[in-house]
Amino acid sequence: MQLRKDQKSSFPLFVNGSIKVRGYFFDDEGDFYHSERLLDKFPVGLTFSELVSVVSSLNGCFSVYYESPEFIFASVDRLRSFPIFYTAESDSVILSDNILDLSQYNEIDECSKEEFLRVGFTIGNATLFKDVKQLNAGQFLYFNKPSKQLLIETYYQHIHKGDCKKDRRILLNELDSVVTNWAKRLIASADGRTIFAGLSGGYDSRSIVCALKREGYENVVCFSYGNENSYEHKVAKQVADTLGYPIHIVRYNDRTWKEAIESEEFQKYCIRGLSDSSNPCIQEFPAIYQLHNSGAIPQNSIIVPGYAADVLGGSYVPKELNSRKTKNMIKAGVSDFVYYNIFGHYRAPLSPEVERAMLARIEANLCEKRSKDIYSYISTFELWLTENHLAKFINYTAKTYETFGYEWRLPLWDNELIDWWYTIPAELRANSTLYHEYLFSFLFEPLSVGFKKAEPVTPPLIKRLIPRQTKLLLINGAKRLGLDIGSKKKDEGNFHIASQYILARTAFNWDEKDFQGVNGLVGAFCLEQLQLDDLQKRSEN
């Protein structure tokens, strides 16, 4: 097993012979495990079935490698927080937490390369390299040494059953108890250390600081970012000031982006993304770069972002469950929706062969090929979204903090919280009605921070009258002619400036008009690094 053993890492690997663990977690009795104590949960002599039972019960972010004379076992958590890669040979399996270490298997997969550019990750178990695979969120690997049998199994799937029939008031009170529980776990894991909380103008990050305030945890410092006039940091400051938490605002401008993108840390972050087969999301990078270098982040802080809880609350559930639009969505299929709504970072024409391969890979990774109704459609799509887009791109943003040596926590993806949401019917998640009702009634308004977030502005005709697939083709075609007829959503982070600096650092002749935004350009820059002769030397050991 080839593993990164850098003890300066914010999540170093703890080793007991052939047992290796990193991360943090709570067990089913509520005990917290971190640092050397991680190994206590994986003593010598565990059987295969006992290992599956242990990892299934853990609440947190972790990876584990366990080798006995009879077998090799490896597992990631429900979100693939610390990736594991593998390649199978005729009579063995090679494991690593860094695909760049598997240099003998480095033939680029053309379909994966296009996925990396267009959506920021590779689909399912695929990686950038043809002969290297990865464990998906909630998966484990088992290799039986005597029989040479390799088994990849899923111990947890992010499936919305939506089978709860309880009264709305009971559900709101249940959710309040769940929020209290994850807040207490977050506080226990911090153990008095500073919680450095990202705070935007939205609701997810606000729910974290409100839950901490309600539980009486005062060692909280907030940060926000955006352009000079961004509503994000203006609302964030209102929230932090009202709660009595200090806040740092990083204004994204030409200087901010230039310093961040030209830094050694940015190069390191991009190489880390390549080694994890994920396009590094750079949204928070300039903020953490500036705050770290200025000493604004207290030593030994834990950074806590508010990523993607809106997905649990229903942001992807259609507002009208039985409309003509939803019927057309079901008829077209989930793979069609994924391809035309998620794959938007890079829009240069694809060869028919690669496009068919990409659509086939999306289809192969759906739990249900054809949905019988809108409920199974939602469940199928959200499972794909969570295991791929959220685990490999959105939540991967937390690796920004590791680049600067900080630990992090993801309380909005606490096991108890996601398990609760997966029982809630689509009718209560549509338009995020139950989620928003809870946030405002139980958290925001009692703490006097019930500020509504701004809604993005999009030209109504092109949004309402033209089908999504046709609209994307028109927007992309117009963009290549130098025209802008697409969304007018404000560039709250001055990401167009970032795009120019990243494009300037690329060596190939990329056409900026082919990119939908900065994320695709970051992917292009990362892929270029695979051409460097000294890439191995600069990847983490």
Protein backbone atom coordinates (compact mmCIF):
# COMPACT_ATOMS: atom_id res chain seq x y z
CA MET A 1 0.00 0.00 0.00
CA GLN A 2 1.49 3.32 -1.09
CA LEU A 3 0.17 5.99 1.26
CA ARG A 4 0.96 9.61 2.03
CA LYS A 5 2.60 9.61 5.45
CA ASP A 6 3.27 13.33 5.85
CA GLN A 7 2.96 13.87 9.60
CA LYS A 8 2.74 17.64 9.01
CA SER A 9 -0.61 17.05 7.32
CA SER A 10 -3.73 18.27 9.11
CA PHE A 11 -4.98 14.67 8.85
CA PRO A 12 -1.85 12.50 9.09
CA LEU A 13 -1.93 8.75 8.69
CA PHE A 14 -1.79 6.79 11.94
CA VAL A 15 -0.18 3.39 11.62
CA ASN A 16 -0.10 0.19 13.63
CA GLY A 17 1.82 -2.32 11.52
CA SER A 18 -0.34 -3.04 8.48
CA ILE A 19 -3.33 -1.07 9.86
CA LYS A 20 -3.54 2.55 8.73
CA VAL A 21 -6.27 5.13 9.49
CA ARG A 22 -6.75 8.87 8.94
CA GLY A 23 -9.54 11.38 9.62
CA TYR A 24 -11.99 11.67 12.51
CA PHE A 25 -15.24 10.04 13.56
CA PHE A 26 -17.74 9.30 16.30
CA ASP A 27 -18.74 5.71 17.00
CA ASP A 28 -22.31 4.53 17.62
CA GLU A 29 -21.88 5.14 21.35
CA GLY A 30 -21.01 8.80 20.79
CA ASP A 31 -17.28 8.54 21.55
CA PHE A 32 -14.98 10.75 19.47
CA TYR A 33 -11.90 9.30 17.75
CA HIS A 34 -9.07 11.43 16.43
CA SER A 35 -5.27 11.22 16.06
CA GLU A 36 -3.73 8.06 17.57
CA ARG A 37 -7.07 7.04 19.06
CA LEU A 38 -8.34 6.23 15.55
CA LEU A 39 -6.42 2.96 15.74
CA ASP A 40 -8.37 1.87 18.83
CA LYS A 41 -11.37 1.17 16.61
CA PHE A 42 -9.34 -1.16 14.39
CA PRO A 43 -7.44 -3.60 16.62
CA VAL A 44 -5.45 -6.51 15.22
CA GLY A 45 -7.53 -9.64 14.57
CA LEU A 46 -10.77 -8.20 13.19
CA THR A 47 -12.58 -10.34 10.63
CA PHE A 48 -13.90 -9.08 7.30
CA SER A 49 -17.50 -8.96 8.56
CA GLU A 50 -16.42 -7.15 11.74
CA LEU A 51 -14.61 -4.51 9.66
CA VAL A 52 -17.68 -3.91 7.51
CA SER A 53 -19.76 -3.53 10.67
CA VAL A 54 -17.28 -1.04 12.16
CA VAL A 55 -16.99 1.26 9.12
CA SER A 56 -20.77 1.17 8.63
CA SER A 57 -21.25 2.51 12.16
CA LEU A 58 -18.76 5.40 12.02
CA ASN A 59 -20.01 8.99 11.82
CA GLY A 60 -17.34 11.21 10.34
CA CYS A 61 -14.73 11.57 7.61
CA PHE A 62 -12.08 8.84 7.34
CA SER A 63 -10.28 6.21 5.33
CA VAL A 64 -8.92 2.90 6.62
CA TYR A 65 -6.48 0.29 5.29
CA TYR A 66 -6.38 -3.04 7.08
CA GLU A 67 -4.22 -6.00 6.09
CA SER A 68 -4.19 -9.44 7.68
CA PRO A 69 -2.47 -12.67 6.56
CA GLU A 70 -5.71 -13.69 4.85
CA PHE A 71 -7.06 -10.47 3.29
CA ILE A 72 -6.70 -6.78 2.49
CA PHE A 73 -9.54 -4.43 3.41
CA ALA A 74 -9.88 -0.72 2.61
CA SER A 75 -12.78 1.68 3.01
CA VAL A 76 -13.75 5.33 2.59
CA ASP A 77 -16.51 7.16 4.45
CA ARG A 78 -19.91 8.16 3.08
CA LEU A 79 -18.42 11.12 1.20
CA ARG A 80 -15.05 9.77 -0.02
CA SER A 81 -13.37 12.47 2.08
CA PHE A 82 -9.98 10.74 1.82
CA PRO A 83 -9.89 8.92 -1.54
CA ILE A 84 -8.52 5.41 -2.05
CA PHE A 85 -7.28 4.22 -5.45
CA TYR A 86 -6.53 0.70 -6.57
CA THR A 87 -5.35 -1.30 -9.53
CA ALA A 88 -5.85 -5.03 -9.86
CA GLU A 89 -3.22 -7.36 -11.22
CA SER A 90 -3.54 -11.07 -11.91
CA ASP A 91 -2.77 -12.17 -8.37
CA SER A 92 -2.66 -8.97 -6.30
CA VAL A 93 -4.10 -5.53 -5.74
CA ILE A 94 -2.14 -2.31 -5.34
CA LEU A 95 -3.66 0.43 -3.18
CA SER A 96 -2.75 4.10 -2.86
CA ASP A 97 -4.24 7.38 -1.69
CA ASN A 98 -2.52 9.17 -4.58
CA ILE A 99 -3.01 8.15 -8.22
CA LEU A 100 0.26 9.85 -9.13
CA ASP A 101 2.10 7.24 -7.08
CA LEU A 102 0.78 4.56 -9.43
CA SER A 103 3.07 5.89 -12.16
CA GLN A 104 3.32 2.57 -13.99
CA TYR A 105 -0.43 2.81 -14.79
CA ASN A 106 -0.48 6.38 -16.11
CA GLU A 107 -2.15 6.08 -19.51
CA ILE A 108 -4.76 8.84 -19.64
CA ASP A 109 -8.38 7.78 -20.14
CA GLU A 110 -9.75 10.14 -22.81
CA CYS A 111 -13.32 9.90 -21.56
CA SER A 112 -12.16 10.64 -18.00
CA LYS A 113 -10.12 13.61 -19.22
CA GLU A 114 -13.23 15.14 -20.81
CA GLU A 115 -15.24 14.48 -17.65
CA PHE A 116 -12.56 16.18 -15.56
CA LEU A 117 -12.72 19.25 -17.81
CA ARG A 118 -16.50 19.39 -18.12
CA VAL A 119 -17.69 18.56 -14.63
CA GLY A 120 -14.64 18.55 -12.34
CA PHE A 121 -14.29 14.84 -11.55
CA THR A 122 -14.35 11.39 -13.09
CA ILE A 123 -17.57 9.39 -12.93
CA GLY A 124 -18.06 6.40 -10.68
CA ASN A 125 -15.01 4.21 -10.03
CA ALA A 126 -13.08 5.65 -13.00
CA THR A 127 -10.05 7.92 -12.58
CA LEU A 128 -7.89 9.91 -14.98
CA PHE A 129 -5.81 6.77 -15.60
CA LYS A 130 -7.22 3.83 -17.55
CA ASP A 131 -5.99 1.09 -15.25
CA VAL A 132 -6.53 2.86 -11.91
CA LYS A 133 -9.91 2.83 -10.18
CA GLN A 134 -11.23 4.51 -7.03
CA LEU A 135 -13.63 3.68 -4.24
CA ASN A 136 -16.85 5.66 -4.43
CA ALA A 137 -18.50 7.28 -1.44
CA GLY A 138 -19.69 4.56 0.96
CA GLN A 139 -17.66 1.75 -0.59
CA PHE A 140 -15.09 -0.77 0.62
CA LEU A 141 -12.56 -3.05 -1.05
CA TYR A 142 -11.88 -6.65 0.00
CA PHE A 143 -9.09 -8.79 -1.47
CA ASN A 144 -8.90 -12.43 -0.41
CA LYS A 145 -5.25 -13.48 -0.61
CA PRO A 146 -5.65 -17.27 -0.97
CA SER A 147 -8.35 -17.10 -3.67
CA LYS A 148 -7.08 -13.83 -5.29
CA GLN A 149 -10.70 -12.63 -5.29
CA LEU A 150 -11.26 -8.85 -5.42
CA LEU A 151 -14.58 -7.48 -4.16
CA ILE A 152 -15.80 -3.87 -4.35
CA GLU A 153 -19.02 -3.37 -2.38
CA THR A 154 -21.20 -0.49 -1.21
CA TYR A 155 -22.02 -0.38 2.49
CA TYR A 156 -23.98 2.91 2.29
CA GLN A 157 -26.01 4.57 -0.47
CA HIS A 158 -27.42 8.10 -0.45
CA ILE A 159 -30.95 7.03 -1.37
CA HIS A 160 -34.04 9.04 -0.48
CA LYS A 161 -36.73 6.62 0.58
CA GLY A 162 -39.16 9.39 1.49
CA ASP A 163 -41.33 6.95 3.43
CA CYS A 164 -41.96 9.00 6.58
CA LYS A 165 -45.65 9.72 7.29
CA LYS A 166 -45.33 11.84 10.43
CA ASP A 167 -47.06 15.13 11.09
CA ARG A 168 -45.20 18.26 9.96
CA ARG A 169 -44.88 19.64 13.50
CA ILE A 170 -43.41 16.36 14.73
CA LEU A 171 -40.91 16.42 11.87
CA LEU A 172 -39.83 19.98 12.66
CA ASN A 173 -39.21 19.03 16.27
CA GLU A 174 -37.33 15.92 15.21
CA LEU A 175 -35.12 17.97 12.92
CA ASP A 176 -34.44 20.38 15.75
CA SER A 177 -33.24 17.49 17.92
CA VAL A 178 -31.01 16.24 15.09
CA VAL A 179 -29.49 19.71 14.63
CA THR A 180 -28.85 19.95 18.36
CA ASN A 181 -27.11 16.59 18.25
CA TRP A 182 -24.76 17.40 15.37
CA ALA A 183 -23.95 20.78 16.94
CA LYS A 184 -22.98 19.02 20.18
CA ARG A 185 -20.82 16.57 18.24
CA LEU A 186 -19.11 19.44 16.43
CA ILE A 187 -18.41 21.16 19.75
CA ALA A 188 -17.11 17.96 21.29
CA SER A 189 -14.76 17.39 18.35
CA ALA A 190 -13.48 20.97 18.60
CA ASP A 191 -12.61 20.44 22.28
CA GLY A 192 -12.33 24.15 23.01
CA ARG A 193 -10.44 25.04 19.84
CA THR A 194 -11.50 27.92 17.58
CA ILE A 195 -14.17 27.03 15.05
CA PHE A 196 -13.36 29.16 12.02
CA ALA A 197 -16.69 29.20 10.20
CA GLY A 198 -17.25 30.12 6.59
CA LEU A 199 -20.30 32.39 6.33
CA SER A 200 -22.07 33.43 3.15
CA GLY A 201 -25.32 35.23 2.41
CA GLY A 202 -27.14 31.90 2.19
CA TYR A 203 -28.75 29.62 4.74
CA ASP A 204 -26.55 26.52 5.09
CA SER A 205 -23.51 28.22 6.62
CA ARG A 206 -25.79 30.44 8.71
CA SER A 207 -27.41 27.37 10.23
CA ILE A 208 -24.02 26.23 11.56
CA VAL A 209 -23.16 29.44 13.40
CA CYS A 210 -26.72 29.71 14.74
CA ALA A 211 -26.62 26.13 16.04
CA LEU A 212 -23.27 26.83 17.73
CA LYS A 213 -24.60 30.05 19.27
CA ARG A 214 -27.69 28.28 20.57
CA GLU A 215 -25.47 25.67 22.23
CA GLY A 216 -23.41 28.41 23.87
CA TYR A 217 -20.12 27.87 22.03
CA GLU A 218 -18.40 31.25 21.90
CA ASN A 219 -14.99 30.37 20.47
CA VAL A 220 -16.19 31.01 16.93
CA VAL A 221 -14.64 33.31 14.32
CA CYS A 222 -16.36 33.79 10.96
CA PHE A 223 -15.02 34.63 7.52
CA SER A 224 -16.65 35.65 4.27
CA TYR A 225 -15.52 36.80 0.84
CA GLY A 226 -16.65 38.24 -2.45
CA ASN A 227 -16.25 41.31 -4.62
CA GLU A 228 -16.47 44.78 -3.11
CA ASN A 229 -20.26 44.97 -3.42
CA SER A 230 -21.11 41.32 -2.87
CA TYR A 231 -24.31 40.68 -0.94
CA GLU A 232 -22.66 37.51 0.39
CA HIS A 233 -20.28 39.18 2.81
CA LYS A 234 -22.71 42.00 3.58
CA VAL A 235 -25.33 39.55 4.84
CA ALA A 236 -22.63 37.46 6.51
CA LYS A 237 -21.47 40.50 8.48
CA GLN A 238 -25.03 41.25 9.58
CA VAL A 239 -25.37 37.68 10.84
CA ALA A 240 -22.01 37.59 12.61
CA ASP A 241 -22.49 41.01 14.23
CA THR A 242 -25.94 40.04 15.49
CA LEU A 243 -24.66 36.79 16.95
CA GLY A 244 -21.66 38.51 18.51
CA TYR A 245 -19.05 36.55 16.54
CA PRO A 246 -16.04 38.35 15.01
CA ILE A 247 -15.81 38.15 11.21
CA HIS A 248 -13.08 38.65 8.61
CA ILE A 249 -14.07 39.84 5.13
CA VAL A 250 -11.78 39.11 2.17
CA ARG A 251 -12.62 41.21 -0.85
CA TYR A 252 -11.92 39.45 -4.13
CA ASN A 253 -10.28 41.79 -6.63
CA ASP A 254 -7.42 41.78 -9.12
CA ARG A 255 -4.70 41.76 -6.45
CA THR A 256 -6.40 39.07 -4.35
CA TRP A 257 -6.70 36.66 -7.26
CA LYS A 258 -3.24 37.43 -8.69
CA GLU A 259 -1.48 36.73 -5.38
CA ALA A 260 -3.43 33.54 -4.76
CA ILE A 261 -3.08 32.02 -8.24
CA GLU A 262 0.62 32.84 -8.54
CA SER A 263 1.39 31.31 -5.13
CA GLU A 264 3.21 28.05 -4.47
CA GLU A 265 0.21 26.93 -2.45
CA PHE A 266 -2.05 27.19 -5.50
CA GLN A 267 0.27 24.92 -7.47
CA LYS A 268 0.32 22.50 -4.52
CA TYR A 269 -3.49 22.55 -4.31
CA CYS A 270 -3.83 21.78 -8.02
CA ILE A 271 -1.37 18.89 -7.82
CA ARG A 272 -3.31 17.58 -4.82
CA GLY A 273 -6.48 17.68 -6.90
CA LEU A 274 -4.82 15.70 -9.67
CA SER A 275 -3.52 13.15 -7.19
CA ASP A 276 -7.10 12.72 -5.90
CA SER A 277 -8.64 12.69 -9.41
CA SER A 278 -10.72 15.76 -8.51
CA ASN A 279 -10.69 19.23 -10.03
CA PRO A 280 -9.89 21.52 -7.06
CA CYS A 281 -12.67 24.04 -6.51
CA ILE A 282 -10.90 27.38 -5.94
CA GLN A 283 -13.80 29.46 -4.63
CA GLU A 284 -12.40 29.73 -1.10
CA PHE A 285 -8.71 29.57 -1.95
CA PRO A 286 -7.94 33.34 -2.06
CA ALA A 287 -9.78 33.88 1.24
CA ILE A 288 -7.88 31.17 3.11
CA TYR A 289 -4.60 32.25 1.45
CA GLN A 290 -5.05 35.85 2.64
CA LEU A 291 -6.34 34.98 6.11
CA HIS A 292 -3.61 32.41 6.71
CA ASN A 293 -0.80 34.73 5.64
CA SER A 294 -2.16 37.61 7.71
CA GLY A 295 -2.40 35.46 10.83
CA ALA A 296 -6.16 35.99 11.05
CA ILE A 297 -6.87 32.28 11.52
CA PRO A 298 -6.12 31.37 15.13
CA GLN A 299 -3.53 28.62 15.53
CA ASN A 300 -4.97 25.12 15.74
CA SER A 301 -8.35 26.26 14.39
CA ILE A 302 -10.88 23.90 12.83
CA ILE A 303 -12.44 25.32 9.67
CA VAL A 304 -16.12 24.56 9.23
CA PRO A 305 -17.87 25.25 5.90
CA GLY A 306 -21.56 24.95 5.12
CA TYR A 307 -21.49 22.86 1.97
CA ALA A 308 -24.55 21.66 0.08
CA ALA A 309 -27.08 20.99 2.85
CA ASP A 310 -29.61 22.58 0.49
CA VAL A 311 -29.45 19.35 -1.54
CA LEU A 312 -30.67 17.41 1.49
CA GLY A 313 -33.35 20.04 2.04
CA GLY A 314 -34.66 19.68 -1.51
CA SER A 315 -33.00 22.24 -3.79
CA TYR A 316 -33.05 19.75 -6.69
CA VAL A 317 -36.62 18.57 -6.09
CA PRO A 318 -38.98 20.03 -8.74
CA LYS A 319 -41.36 22.61 -7.33
CA GLU A 320 -44.25 20.89 -9.08
CA LEU A 321 -44.01 17.11 -8.80
CA ASN A 322 -46.69 16.25 -11.35
CA SER A 323 -46.28 18.92 -14.01
CA ARG A 324 -45.76 18.40 -17.72
CA LYS A 325 -42.14 19.42 -17.23
CA THR A 326 -41.50 16.64 -14.71
CA LYS A 327 -43.16 14.09 -16.99
CA ASN A 328 -40.83 15.17 -19.80
CA MET A 329 -37.86 14.87 -17.43
CA ILE A 330 -38.81 11.30 -16.53
CA LYS A 331 -39.26 10.43 -20.20
CA ALA A 332 -35.83 11.86 -21.13
CA GLY A 333 -34.14 10.05 -18.27
CA VAL A 334 -31.77 11.00 -15.47
CA SER A 335 -28.65 10.58 -17.62
CA ASP A 336 -29.95 13.24 -20.01
CA PHE A 337 -30.60 15.66 -17.15
CA VAL A 338 -27.15 15.04 -15.65
CA TYR A 339 -25.36 15.54 -18.95
CA TYR A 340 -27.10 18.75 -19.95
CA ASN A 341 -27.36 20.35 -16.51
CA ILE A 342 -24.22 19.32 -14.63
CA PHE A 343 -21.58 18.99 -17.36
CA GLY A 344 -21.10 22.69 -18.02
CA HIS A 345 -17.52 23.70 -17.16
CA TYR A 346 -16.14 23.14 -20.65
CA ARG A 347 -18.19 23.15 -23.85
CA ALA A 348 -15.86 22.52 -26.77
CA PRO A 349 -17.40 20.01 -29.21
CA LEU A 350 -16.94 16.34 -28.35
CA SER A 351 -16.33 13.54 -30.79
CA PRO A 352 -19.42 11.31 -31.11
CA GLU A 353 -17.44 8.36 -29.70
CA VAL A 354 -16.39 10.19 -26.52
CA GLU A 355 -19.86 11.67 -26.02
CA ARG A 356 -21.44 8.21 -26.29
CA ALA A 357 -18.86 6.82 -23.86
CA MET A 358 -19.56 9.61 -21.39
CA LEU A 359 -23.33 9.15 -21.55
CA ALA A 360 -22.88 5.38 -21.18
CA ARG A 361 -20.72 5.91 -18.09
CA ILE A 362 -23.35 8.19 -16.55
CA GLU A 363 -26.04 5.61 -17.32
CA ALA A 364 -23.95 2.76 -15.88
CA ASN A 365 -23.58 4.61 -12.59
CA LEU A 366 -27.29 5.22 -12.06
CA CYS A 367 -29.00 2.99 -9.51
CA GLU A 368 -32.08 2.90 -11.75
CA LYS A 369 -31.84 3.12 -15.53
CA ARG A 370 -35.43 4.21 -16.10
CA SER A 371 -37.49 5.91 -13.41
CA LYS A 372 -41.09 4.79 -13.02
CA ASP A 373 -42.19 8.06 -11.41
CA ILE A 374 -40.88 11.41 -10.18
CA TYR A 375 -40.00 9.96 -6.76
CA SER A 376 -37.64 7.32 -8.12
CA TYR A 377 -36.29 9.92 -10.57
CA ILE A 378 -35.39 12.28 -7.70
CA SER A 379 -33.81 9.49 -5.67
CA THR A 380 -31.76 8.24 -8.64
CA PHE A 381 -30.53 11.71 -9.55
CA GLU A 382 -29.68 12.76 -5.99
CA LEU A 383 -27.77 9.53 -5.37
CA TRP A 384 -25.68 10.19 -8.49
CA LEU A 385 -25.24 13.85 -7.56
CA THR A 386 -24.09 13.09 -4.00
CA GLU A 387 -21.69 10.25 -4.86
CA ASN A 388 -20.15 12.22 -7.71
CA HIS A 389 -20.67 15.99 -7.81
CA LEU A 390 -20.89 16.61 -4.06
CA ALA A 391 -18.32 14.05 -2.87
CA LYS A 392 -15.73 14.69 -5.59
CA PHE A 393 -16.12 18.42 -6.29
CA ILE A 394 -18.21 20.47 -3.85
CA ASN A 395 -17.15 18.88 -0.56
CA TYR A 396 -13.66 18.43 -1.96
CA THR A 397 -13.27 22.20 -1.48
CA ALA A 398 -12.35 21.37 2.13
CA LYS A 399 -8.95 20.27 0.79
CA THR A 400 -8.22 24.01 0.51
CA TYR A 401 -7.88 24.05 4.29
CA GLU A 402 -5.53 21.09 4.32
CA THR A 403 -3.26 22.95 1.89
CA PHE A 404 -2.60 25.45 4.69
CA GLY A 405 -2.43 22.87 7.47
CA TYR A 406 -5.92 23.19 8.99
CA GLU A 407 -8.37 20.52 10.06
CA TRP A 408 -11.99 20.76 8.98
CA ARG A 409 -15.40 19.33 9.84
CA LEU A 410 -18.53 18.80 7.72
CA PRO A 411 -21.41 18.96 10.24
CA LEU A 412 -24.09 19.38 7.58
CA TRP A 413 -23.24 15.88 6.34
CA ASP A 414 -23.43 14.30 9.77
CA ASN A 415 -24.81 10.74 9.53
CA GLU A 416 -27.81 11.40 11.74
CA LEU A 417 -28.79 14.45 9.71
CA ILE A 418 -28.55 12.84 6.28
CA ASP A 419 -30.30 9.66 7.45
CA TRP A 420 -33.16 11.79 8.76
CA TRP A 421 -33.50 13.75 5.51
CA TYR A 422 -33.54 10.55 3.45
CA THR A 423 -36.84 9.57 5.11
CA ILE A 424 -38.63 12.85 4.25
CA PRO A 425 -41.19 12.76 1.40
CA ALA A 426 -40.47 14.75 -1.76
CA GLU A 427 -43.63 16.81 -1.19
CA LEU A 428 -42.06 18.33 1.95
CA ARG A 429 -38.70 18.85 0.26
CA ALA A 430 -40.09 20.50 -2.89
CA ASN A 431 -39.06 24.14 -3.03
CA SER A 432 -37.14 23.42 0.25
CA THR A 433 -40.30 24.26 2.16
CA LEU A 434 -39.72 22.13 5.27
CA TYR A 435 -36.02 23.01 5.36
CA HIS A 436 -36.61 26.76 5.18
CA GLU A 437 -39.51 26.62 7.62
CA TYR A 438 -37.26 24.91 10.14
CA LEU A 439 -34.32 27.29 9.62
CA PHE A 440 -36.37 30.44 10.05
CA SER A 441 -38.74 29.26 12.80
CA PHE A 442 -36.25 27.37 14.98
CA LEU A 443 -32.86 29.01 14.32
CA PHE A 444 -32.81 32.29 12.43
CA GLU A 445 -35.75 34.26 13.78
CA PRO A 446 -35.21 33.30 17.45
CA LEU A 447 -31.63 34.61 17.08
CA SER A 448 -32.73 37.72 15.10
CA VAL A 449 -30.90 36.74 11.90
CA GLY A 450 -33.87 35.96 9.66
CA PHE A 451 -32.45 37.82 6.66
CA LYS A 452 -33.68 36.58 3.29
CA LYS A 453 -31.02 35.84 0.67
CA ALA A 454 -30.95 37.57 -2.68
CA GLU A 455 -32.30 35.64 -5.65
CA PRO A 456 -30.20 35.35 -8.85
CA VAL A 457 -31.46 37.33 -11.84
CA THR A 458 -31.96 35.42 -15.08
CA PRO A 459 -33.70 36.72 -18.24
CA PRO A 460 -37.14 35.13 -17.98
CA LEU A 461 -37.81 34.43 -21.65
CA ILE A 462 -34.77 32.28 -22.29
CA LYS A 463 -35.28 30.55 -18.95
CA ARG A 464 -38.97 29.80 -19.27
CA LEU A 465 -39.68 29.37 -22.97
CA ILE A 466 -36.68 27.46 -24.32
CA PRO A 467 -35.89 23.88 -23.24
CA ARG A 468 -32.70 23.50 -21.20
CA GLN A 469 -30.81 21.48 -23.82
CA THR A 470 -31.64 23.93 -26.62
CA LYS A 471 -30.82 26.90 -24.40
CA LEU A 472 -27.34 25.57 -23.63
CA LEU A 473 -26.61 25.03 -27.30
CA LEU A 474 -27.75 28.58 -28.13
CA ILE A 475 -25.79 30.15 -25.26
CA ASN A 476 -22.62 28.26 -26.15
CA GLY A 477 -22.92 29.08 -29.84
CA ALA A 478 -23.50 32.76 -29.09
CA LYS A 479 -20.59 32.84 -26.67
CA ARG A 480 -18.24 31.52 -29.35
CA LEU A 481 -19.35 34.47 -31.50
CA GLY A 482 -18.59 36.90 -28.68
CA LEU A 483 -22.21 37.37 -27.63
CA ASP A 484 -23.60 36.94 -24.11
CA ILE A 485 -27.24 35.84 -24.04
CA GLY A 486 -27.05 33.56 -21.02
CA SER A 487 -27.55 33.92 -17.32
CA LYS A 488 -26.92 37.33 -15.80
CA LYS A 489 -26.18 35.99 -12.36
CA LYS A 490 -23.79 38.37 -10.65
CA ASP A 491 -20.12 37.45 -10.47
CA GLU A 492 -19.99 37.76 -6.68
CA GLY A 493 -16.39 36.58 -6.49
CA ASN A 494 -14.88 38.35 -9.52
CA PHE A 495 -14.20 34.89 -10.93
CA HIS A 496 -13.74 36.38 -14.41
CA ILE A 497 -10.50 37.88 -13.07
CA ALA A 498 -9.40 34.49 -11.79
CA SER A 499 -10.12 33.03 -15.23
CA GLN A 500 -7.71 35.47 -16.86
CA TYR A 501 -4.86 34.69 -14.45
CA ILE A 502 -5.34 30.93 -14.78
CA LEU A 503 -5.54 31.16 -18.56
CA ALA A 504 -2.27 33.10 -18.50
CA ARG A 505 -0.63 30.22 -16.63
CA THR A 506 -1.71 27.56 -19.13
CA ALA A 507 0.74 26.38 -21.77
CA PHE A 508 -1.68 25.03 -24.37
CA ASN A 509 -3.72 27.16 -26.71
CA TRP A 510 -7.08 26.88 -24.93
CA ASP A 511 -9.98 28.94 -26.31
CA GLU A 512 -11.52 30.90 -23.44
CA LYS A 513 -14.89 30.88 -25.21
CA ASP A 514 -15.05 27.12 -24.68
CA PHE A 515 -15.19 27.55 -20.90
CA GLN A 516 -18.36 28.27 -18.96
CA GLY A 517 -16.40 29.73 -16.04
CA VAL A 518 -13.32 29.42 -13.92
CA ASN A 519 -13.82 25.76 -12.91
CA GLY A 520 -13.17 24.43 -16.39
CA LEU A 521 -10.02 26.52 -16.69
CA VAL A 522 -8.74 25.15 -13.40
CA GLY A 523 -9.32 21.66 -14.80
CA ALA A 524 -7.39 22.57 -17.94
CA PHE A 525 -4.50 23.94 -15.88
CA CYS A 526 -4.45 20.80 -13.71
CA LEU A 527 -4.44 18.46 -16.70
CA GLU A 528 -1.47 20.32 -18.16
CA GLN A 529 0.50 19.45 -15.03
CA LEU A 530 0.39 15.80 -16.11
CA GLN A 531 2.77 16.83 -18.90
CA LEU A 532 5.48 18.00 -16.49
CA ASP A 533 8.49 15.73 -16.11
CA ASP A 534 8.90 16.57 -12.45
CA LEU A 535 5.27 16.08 -11.44
CA GLN A 536 6.11 13.07 -9.29
CA LYS A 537 8.65 15.07 -7.35
CA ARG A 538 6.10 17.74 -6.54
CA SER A 539 3.22 15.45 -5.59
CA GLU A 540 2.77 14.73 -1.90
CA ASN A 541 4.67 11.78 -0.49
